[in-house]
């Protein structure tokens, strides 16, 4: 009988200890969503003339960016631009064309390359580019979500020049964490497109 009473008291003591510990420790609270801290400098730009056998163009680049490899030939232009602290690359593909059917195919191909990311993208926004004064027309795509490329665009003069761009970042695609970086980069890409000029002097 004494042993049974001792077991009851021991069990009661353990229950009291567990209750006290539960009262002292606050229950876990989910952390609110947060973003990686980024410390980028103020936006500043410099003018660059890009020359290749397909076409020449001038544009303003962020001072964080560096013009890298140019792997162009007479049929196809390819220019690589390093994004510096943003840790990524802007790839530019250019073509010349002499028929409106060819332009339609180039635009369709550019749209198809965006559509390839629909499975991963939460949403795809687009902005039409209409600048008749500088013979510059196209579309800028913003892909929201954990996709391989968050920005793509194309530009054409509608008569003979076509260029397509896409951004690739050197990191795992985590949209929430990358959002501040992408917002910063978007301003530099806007400046790129607004300042873009065809240079027909080959």
C-alpha atoms as a PDB file:
ATOM      1  CA  UNK A   1       0.000   0.000   0.000  1.00  0.00           C
ATOM      2  CA  UNK A   2       2.862   2.391   0.801  1.00  0.00           C
ATOM      3  CA  UNK A   3       4.525   1.603  -2.511  1.00  0.00           C
ATOM      4  CA  UNK A   4       1.309   2.307  -4.389  1.00  0.00           C
ATOM      5  CA  UNK A   5       0.927   5.632  -2.585  1.00  0.00           C
ATOM      6  CA  UNK A   6       4.535   6.544  -3.423  1.00  0.00           C
ATOM      7  CA  UNK A   7       3.913   5.824  -7.124  1.00  0.00           C
ATOM      8  CA  UNK A   8       0.842   8.061  -7.054  1.00  0.00           C
ATOM      9  CA  UNK A   9       2.789  10.930  -5.477  1.00  0.00           C
ATOM     10  CA  UNK A  10       5.639  10.459  -7.965  1.00  0.00           C
ATOM     11  CA  UNK A  11       3.223  10.550 -10.875  1.00  0.00           C
ATOM     12  CA  UNK A  12       1.542  13.657  -9.495  1.00  0.00           C
ATOM     13  CA  UNK A  13       4.939  15.340  -9.080  1.00  0.00           C
ATOM     14  CA  UNK A  14       5.915  14.605 -12.682  1.00  0.00           C
ATOM     15  CA  UNK A  15       2.624  15.996 -13.949  1.00  0.00           C
ATOM     16  CA  UNK A  16       3.138  19.188 -11.915  1.00  0.00           C
ATOM     17  CA  UNK A  17       6.687  19.599 -13.270  1.00  0.00           C
ATOM     18  CA  UNK A  18       5.512  19.165 -16.871  1.00  0.00           C
ATOM     19  CA  UNK A  19       2.691  21.668 -16.309  1.00  0.00           C
ATOM     20  CA  UNK A  20       5.089  24.245 -14.837  1.00  0.00           C
ATOM     21  CA  UNK A  21       7.549  23.809 -17.718  1.00  0.00           C
ATOM     22  CA  UNK A  22       4.754  24.235 -20.231  1.00  0.00           C
ATOM     23  CA  UNK A  23       3.682  27.467 -18.533  1.00  0.00           C
ATOM     24  CA  UNK A  24       7.216  28.874 -18.524  1.00  0.00           C
ATOM     25  CA  UNK A  25       8.006  28.101 -22.176  1.00  0.00           C
ATOM     26  CA  UNK A  26       6.013  30.171 -24.651  1.00  0.00           C
ATOM     27  CA  UNK A  27       4.503  28.117 -27.484  1.00  0.00           C
ATOM     28  CA  UNK A  28       6.372  28.408 -30.812  1.00  0.00           C
ATOM     29  CA  UNK A  29       5.208  31.263 -33.043  1.00  0.00           C
ATOM     30  CA  UNK A  30       5.733  31.069 -36.828  1.00  0.00           C
ATOM     31  CA  UNK A  31       8.235  33.634 -38.110  1.00  0.00           C
ATOM     32  CA  UNK A  32       6.796  36.322 -40.372  1.00  0.00           C
ATOM     33  CA  UNK A  33       7.936  36.322 -44.012  1.00  0.00           C
ATOM     34  CA  UNK A  34      11.217  38.160 -44.481  1.00  0.00           C
ATOM     35  CA  UNK A  35      13.660  38.978 -47.268  1.00  0.00           C
ATOM     36  CA  UNK A  36      17.416  38.854 -47.574  1.00  0.00           C
ATOM     37  CA  UNK A  37      19.079  42.129 -46.687  1.00  0.00           C
ATOM     38  CA  UNK A  38      20.602  43.850 -49.690  1.00  0.00           C
ATOM     39  CA  UNK A  39      22.828  46.897 -49.680  1.00  0.00           C
ATOM     40  CA  UNK A  40      23.132  48.116 -53.263  1.00  0.00           C
ATOM     41  CA  UNK A  41      24.447  51.554 -54.212  1.00  0.00           C
ATOM     42  CA  UNK A  42      22.331  54.300 -55.727  1.00  0.00           C
ATOM     43  CA  UNK A  43      21.518  53.708 -59.382  1.00  0.00           C
ATOM     44  CA  UNK A  44      24.094  55.217 -61.741  1.00  0.00           C
ATOM     45  CA  UNK A  45      24.703  54.589 -65.438  1.00  0.00           C
ATOM     46  CA  UNK A  46      27.257  54.803 -68.240  1.00  0.00           C
ATOM     47  CA  UNK A  47      26.834  54.617 -72.007  1.00  0.00           C
ATOM     48  CA  UNK A  48      28.031  51.616 -73.974  1.00  0.00           C
ATOM     49  CA  UNK A  49      28.241  50.970 -77.715  1.00  0.00           C
ATOM     50  CA  UNK A  50      27.851  47.291 -78.502  1.00  0.00           C
ATOM     51  CA  UNK A  51      29.217  46.197 -81.868  1.00  0.00           C
ATOM     52  CA  UNK A  52      28.895  42.822 -83.524  1.00  0.00           C
ATOM     53  CA  UNK A  53      28.612  41.528 -87.119  1.00  0.00           C
ATOM     54  CA  UNK A  54      24.805  41.372 -86.851  1.00  0.00           C
ATOM     55  CA  UNK A  55      24.018  44.873 -85.564  1.00  0.00           C
ATOM     56  CA  UNK A  56      25.282  47.742 -83.459  1.00  0.00           C
ATOM     57  CA  UNK A  57      23.397  49.466 -80.673  1.00  0.00           C
ATOM     58  CA  UNK A  58      24.030  51.871 -77.821  1.00  0.00           C
ATOM     59  CA  UNK A  59      22.558  51.693 -74.369  1.00  0.00           C
ATOM     60  CA  UNK A  60      23.018  52.924 -70.819  1.00  0.00           C
ATOM     61  CA  UNK A  61      24.171  50.264 -68.366  1.00  0.00           C
ATOM     62  CA  UNK A  62      24.267  50.332 -64.594  1.00  0.00           C
ATOM     63  CA  UNK A  63      27.770  50.999 -63.286  1.00  0.00           C
ATOM     64  CA  UNK A  64      27.478  47.642 -61.532  1.00  0.00           C
ATOM     65  CA  UNK A  65      27.348  45.914 -64.930  1.00  0.00           C
ATOM     66  CA  UNK A  66      30.265  44.857 -67.122  1.00  0.00           C
ATOM     67  CA  UNK A  67      30.194  43.980 -70.820  1.00  0.00           C
ATOM     68  CA  UNK A  68      31.622  40.467 -71.155  1.00  0.00           C
ATOM     69  CA  UNK A  69      31.796  37.864 -73.915  1.00  0.00           C
ATOM     70  CA  UNK A  70      30.643  38.643 -77.410  1.00  0.00           C
ATOM     71  CA  UNK A  71      30.184  35.367 -79.282  1.00  0.00           C
ATOM     72  CA  UNK A  72      28.520  36.801 -82.388  1.00  0.00           C
ATOM     73  CA  UNK A  73      28.845  35.673 -85.977  1.00  0.00           C
ATOM     74  CA  UNK A  74      27.371  37.070 -89.201  1.00  0.00           C
ATOM     75  CA  UNK A  75      24.024  35.347 -88.673  1.00  0.00           C
ATOM     76  CA  UNK A  76      23.494  35.502 -84.933  1.00  0.00           C
ATOM     77  CA  UNK A  77      24.504  38.043 -82.281  1.00  0.00           C
ATOM     78  CA  UNK A  78      25.217  37.021 -78.704  1.00  0.00           C
ATOM     79  CA  UNK A  79      26.343  39.418 -75.971  1.00  0.00           C
ATOM     80  CA  UNK A  80      26.888  38.593 -72.303  1.00  0.00           C
ATOM     81  CA  UNK A  81      26.631  41.307 -69.634  1.00  0.00           C
ATOM     82  CA  UNK A  82      27.758  40.552 -66.094  1.00  0.00           C
ATOM     83  CA  UNK A  83      25.459  42.052 -63.433  1.00  0.00           C
ATOM     84  CA  UNK A  84      28.199  42.569 -60.836  1.00  0.00           C
ATOM     85  CA  UNK A  85      26.980  42.616 -57.221  1.00  0.00           C
ATOM     86  CA  UNK A  86      23.605  41.277 -58.323  1.00  0.00           C
ATOM     87  CA  UNK A  87      25.408  38.009 -59.118  1.00  0.00           C
ATOM     88  CA  UNK A  88      23.863  37.202 -62.449  1.00  0.00           C
ATOM     89  CA  UNK A  89      24.035  37.674 -66.199  1.00  0.00           C
ATOM     90  CA  UNK A  90      22.013  39.508 -68.814  1.00  0.00           C
ATOM     91  CA  UNK A  91      22.115  37.536 -72.066  1.00  0.00           C
ATOM     92  CA  UNK A  92      21.343  39.393 -75.289  1.00  0.00           C
ATOM     93  CA  UNK A  93      20.545  37.563 -78.529  1.00  0.00           C
ATOM     94  CA  UNK A  94      20.221  39.575 -81.757  1.00  0.00           C
ATOM     95  CA  UNK A  95      19.141  38.806 -85.308  1.00  0.00           C
ATOM     96  CA  UNK A  96      18.650  40.691 -88.537  1.00  0.00           C
ATOM     97  CA  UNK A  97      15.647  39.890 -90.731  1.00  0.00           C
ATOM     98  CA  UNK A  98      14.347  41.000 -94.108  1.00  0.00           C
ATOM     99  CA  UNK A  99      10.760  39.707 -94.084  1.00  0.00           C
ATOM    100  CA  UNK A 100       7.780  40.330 -91.815  1.00  0.00           C
ATOM    101  CA  UNK A 101       7.119  36.591 -91.564  1.00  0.00           C
ATOM    102  CA  UNK A 102      10.576  36.183 -90.076  1.00  0.00           C
ATOM    103  CA  UNK A 103       9.817  38.885 -87.515  1.00  0.00           C
ATOM    104  CA  UNK A 104       6.574  37.132 -86.577  1.00  0.00           C
ATOM    105  CA  UNK A 105       8.507  33.900 -86.040  1.00  0.00           C
ATOM    106  CA  UNK A 106      11.101  35.662 -83.873  1.00  0.00           C
ATOM    107  CA  UNK A 107       8.372  37.190 -81.712  1.00  0.00           C
ATOM    108  CA  UNK A 108       6.568  33.857 -81.416  1.00  0.00           C
ATOM    109  CA  UNK A 109       9.818  32.161 -80.384  1.00  0.00           C
ATOM    110  CA  UNK A 110      10.423  34.845 -77.727  1.00  0.00           C
ATOM    111  CA  UNK A 111       6.893  34.368 -76.374  1.00  0.00           C
ATOM    112  CA  UNK A 112       7.344  30.583 -76.348  1.00  0.00           C
ATOM    113  CA  UNK A 113      10.527  30.943 -74.272  1.00  0.00           C
ATOM    114  CA  UNK A 114       8.511  32.888 -71.692  1.00  0.00           C
ATOM    115  CA  UNK A 115       5.680  30.343 -71.779  1.00  0.00           C
ATOM    116  CA  UNK A 116       8.145  27.559 -70.915  1.00  0.00           C
ATOM    117  CA  UNK A 117       8.210  28.964 -67.372  1.00  0.00           C
ATOM    118  CA  UNK A 118       4.419  28.960 -66.861  1.00  0.00           C
ATOM    119  CA  UNK A 119       4.592  25.733 -64.860  1.00  0.00           C
ATOM    120  CA  UNK A 120       6.789  27.331 -62.173  1.00  0.00           C
ATOM    121  CA  UNK A 121       5.610  30.936 -62.430  1.00  0.00           C
ATOM    122  CA  UNK A 122       2.890  32.198 -60.086  1.00  0.00           C
ATOM    123  CA  UNK A 123       2.115  35.013 -62.499  1.00  0.00           C
ATOM    124  CA  UNK A 124       3.577  36.566 -65.658  1.00  0.00           C
ATOM    125  CA  UNK A 125       3.164  40.316 -66.125  1.00  0.00           C
ATOM    126  CA  UNK A 126       4.103  42.135 -69.306  1.00  0.00           C
ATOM    127  CA  UNK A 127       4.618  45.709 -70.449  1.00  0.00           C
ATOM    128  CA  UNK A 128       4.310  46.784 -74.071  1.00  0.00           C
ATOM    129  CA  UNK A 129       7.160  48.953 -75.396  1.00  0.00           C
ATOM    130  CA  UNK A 130       6.066  51.521 -77.983  1.00  0.00           C
ATOM    131  CA  UNK A 131       8.623  54.164 -78.963  1.00  0.00           C
ATOM    132  CA  UNK A 132       7.986  55.200 -82.603  1.00  0.00           C
ATOM    133  CA  UNK A 133      10.413  58.127 -82.348  1.00  0.00           C
ATOM    134  CA  UNK A 134      13.319  55.691 -81.951  1.00  0.00           C
ATOM    135  CA  UNK A 135      11.825  52.806 -83.946  1.00  0.00           C
ATOM    136  CA  UNK A 136      11.670  50.664 -80.810  1.00  0.00           C
ATOM    137  CA  UNK A 137       8.852  48.215 -80.134  1.00  0.00           C
ATOM    138  CA  UNK A 138       8.615  45.135 -77.970  1.00  0.00           C
ATOM    139  CA  UNK A 139       7.504  43.529 -74.722  1.00  0.00           C
ATOM    140  CA  UNK A 140       9.017  43.267 -71.252  1.00  0.00           C
ATOM    141  CA  UNK A 141       8.044  40.205 -69.191  1.00  0.00           C
ATOM    142  CA  UNK A 142       8.182  39.934 -65.386  1.00  0.00           C
ATOM    143  CA  UNK A 143       7.884  36.356 -64.158  1.00  0.00           C
ATOM    144  CA  UNK A 144       6.766  36.052 -60.533  1.00  0.00           C
ATOM    145  CA  UNK A 145       7.692  32.930 -58.596  1.00  0.00           C
ATOM    146  CA  UNK A 146      10.521  30.440 -58.267  1.00  0.00           C
ATOM    147  CA  UNK A 147      11.512  30.474 -61.921  1.00  0.00           C
ATOM    148  CA  UNK A 148      14.900  30.195 -63.612  1.00  0.00           C
ATOM    149  CA  UNK A 149      14.573  33.661 -65.150  1.00  0.00           C
ATOM    150  CA  UNK A 150      12.447  36.459 -63.675  1.00  0.00           C
ATOM    151  CA  UNK A 151      12.929  38.953 -66.521  1.00  0.00           C
ATOM    152  CA  UNK A 152      12.810  38.546 -70.285  1.00  0.00           C
ATOM    153  CA  UNK A 153      12.206  41.055 -73.067  1.00  0.00           C
ATOM    154  CA  UNK A 154      12.497  41.636 -76.780  1.00  0.00           C
ATOM    155  CA  UNK A 155      12.912  44.762 -78.916  1.00  0.00           C
ATOM    156  CA  UNK A 156      12.600  45.332 -82.651  1.00  0.00           C
ATOM    157  CA  UNK A 157      12.621  48.231 -85.096  1.00  0.00           C
ATOM    158  CA  UNK A 158       9.961  46.274 -87.067  1.00  0.00           C
ATOM    159  CA  UNK A 159      11.993  46.427 -90.285  1.00  0.00           C
ATOM    160  CA  UNK A 160      15.318  44.589 -89.880  1.00  0.00           C
ATOM    161  CA  UNK A 161      16.556  44.441 -86.264  1.00  0.00           C
ATOM    162  CA  UNK A 162      15.501  42.139 -83.413  1.00  0.00           C
ATOM    163  CA  UNK A 163      17.052  41.599 -79.984  1.00  0.00           C
ATOM    164  CA  UNK A 164      15.956  39.411 -77.083  1.00  0.00           C
ATOM    165  CA  UNK A 165      17.216  39.583 -73.482  1.00  0.00           C
ATOM    166  CA  UNK A 166      16.929  37.339 -70.448  1.00  0.00           C
ATOM    167  CA  UNK A 167      18.304  37.566 -66.914  1.00  0.00           C
ATOM    168  CA  UNK A 168      19.857  34.560 -65.192  1.00  0.00           C
ATOM    169  CA  UNK A 169      20.853  34.814 -61.518  1.00  0.00           C
ATOM    170  CA  UNK A 170      23.554  32.562 -60.053  1.00  0.00           C
ATOM    171  CA  UNK A 171      21.496  31.259 -57.144  1.00  0.00           C
ATOM    172  CA  UNK A 172      18.607  29.003 -56.213  1.00  0.00           C
ATOM    173  CA  UNK A 173      15.316  30.501 -57.480  1.00  0.00           C
ATOM    174  CA  UNK A 174      13.572  31.640 -54.282  1.00  0.00           C
ATOM    175  CA  UNK A 175      11.312  34.521 -55.253  1.00  0.00           C
ATOM    176  CA  UNK A 176      10.584  35.770 -51.720  1.00  0.00           C
ATOM    177  CA  UNK A 177      14.274  36.003 -50.839  1.00  0.00           C
ATOM    178  CA  UNK A 178      15.255  37.498 -54.198  1.00  0.00           C
ATOM    179  CA  UNK A 179      12.465  40.044 -54.348  1.00  0.00           C
ATOM    180  CA  UNK A 180      14.471  43.078 -53.104  1.00  0.00           C
ATOM    181  CA  UNK A 181      17.257  42.259 -55.573  1.00  0.00           C
ATOM    182  CA  UNK A 182      14.776  41.826 -58.410  1.00  0.00           C
ATOM    183  CA  UNK A 183      13.050  45.124 -57.575  1.00  0.00           C
ATOM    184  CA  UNK A 184      16.434  46.864 -57.669  1.00  0.00           C
ATOM    185  CA  UNK A 185      17.386  45.178 -60.940  1.00  0.00           C
ATOM    186  CA  UNK A 186      14.071  46.106 -62.557  1.00  0.00           C
ATOM    187  CA  UNK A 187      14.992  49.806 -62.394  1.00  0.00           C
ATOM    188  CA  UNK A 188      18.283  49.124 -64.188  1.00  0.00           C
ATOM    189  CA  UNK A 189      16.514  47.107 -66.877  1.00  0.00           C
ATOM    190  CA  UNK A 190      13.982  49.909 -67.324  1.00  0.00           C
ATOM    191  CA  UNK A 191      16.888  52.322 -67.852  1.00  0.00           C
ATOM    192  CA  UNK A 192      18.445  49.853 -70.317  1.00  0.00           C
ATOM    193  CA  UNK A 193      15.284  49.688 -72.434  1.00  0.00           C
ATOM    194  CA  UNK A 194      14.493  53.409 -72.273  1.00  0.00           C
ATOM    195  CA  UNK A 195      18.017  54.351 -73.376  1.00  0.00           C
ATOM    196  CA  UNK A 196      18.360  51.639 -76.036  1.00  0.00           C
ATOM    197  CA  UNK A 197      19.100  53.007 -79.532  1.00  0.00           C
ATOM    198  CA  UNK A 198      19.731  51.156 -82.777  1.00  0.00           C
ATOM    199  CA  UNK A 199      22.959  52.161 -84.507  1.00  0.00           C
ATOM    200  CA  UNK A 200      22.655  51.430 -88.206  1.00  0.00           C
ATOM    201  CA  UNK A 201      26.222  52.401 -89.001  1.00  0.00           C
ATOM    202  CA  UNK A 202      27.812  48.994 -89.542  1.00  0.00           C
END
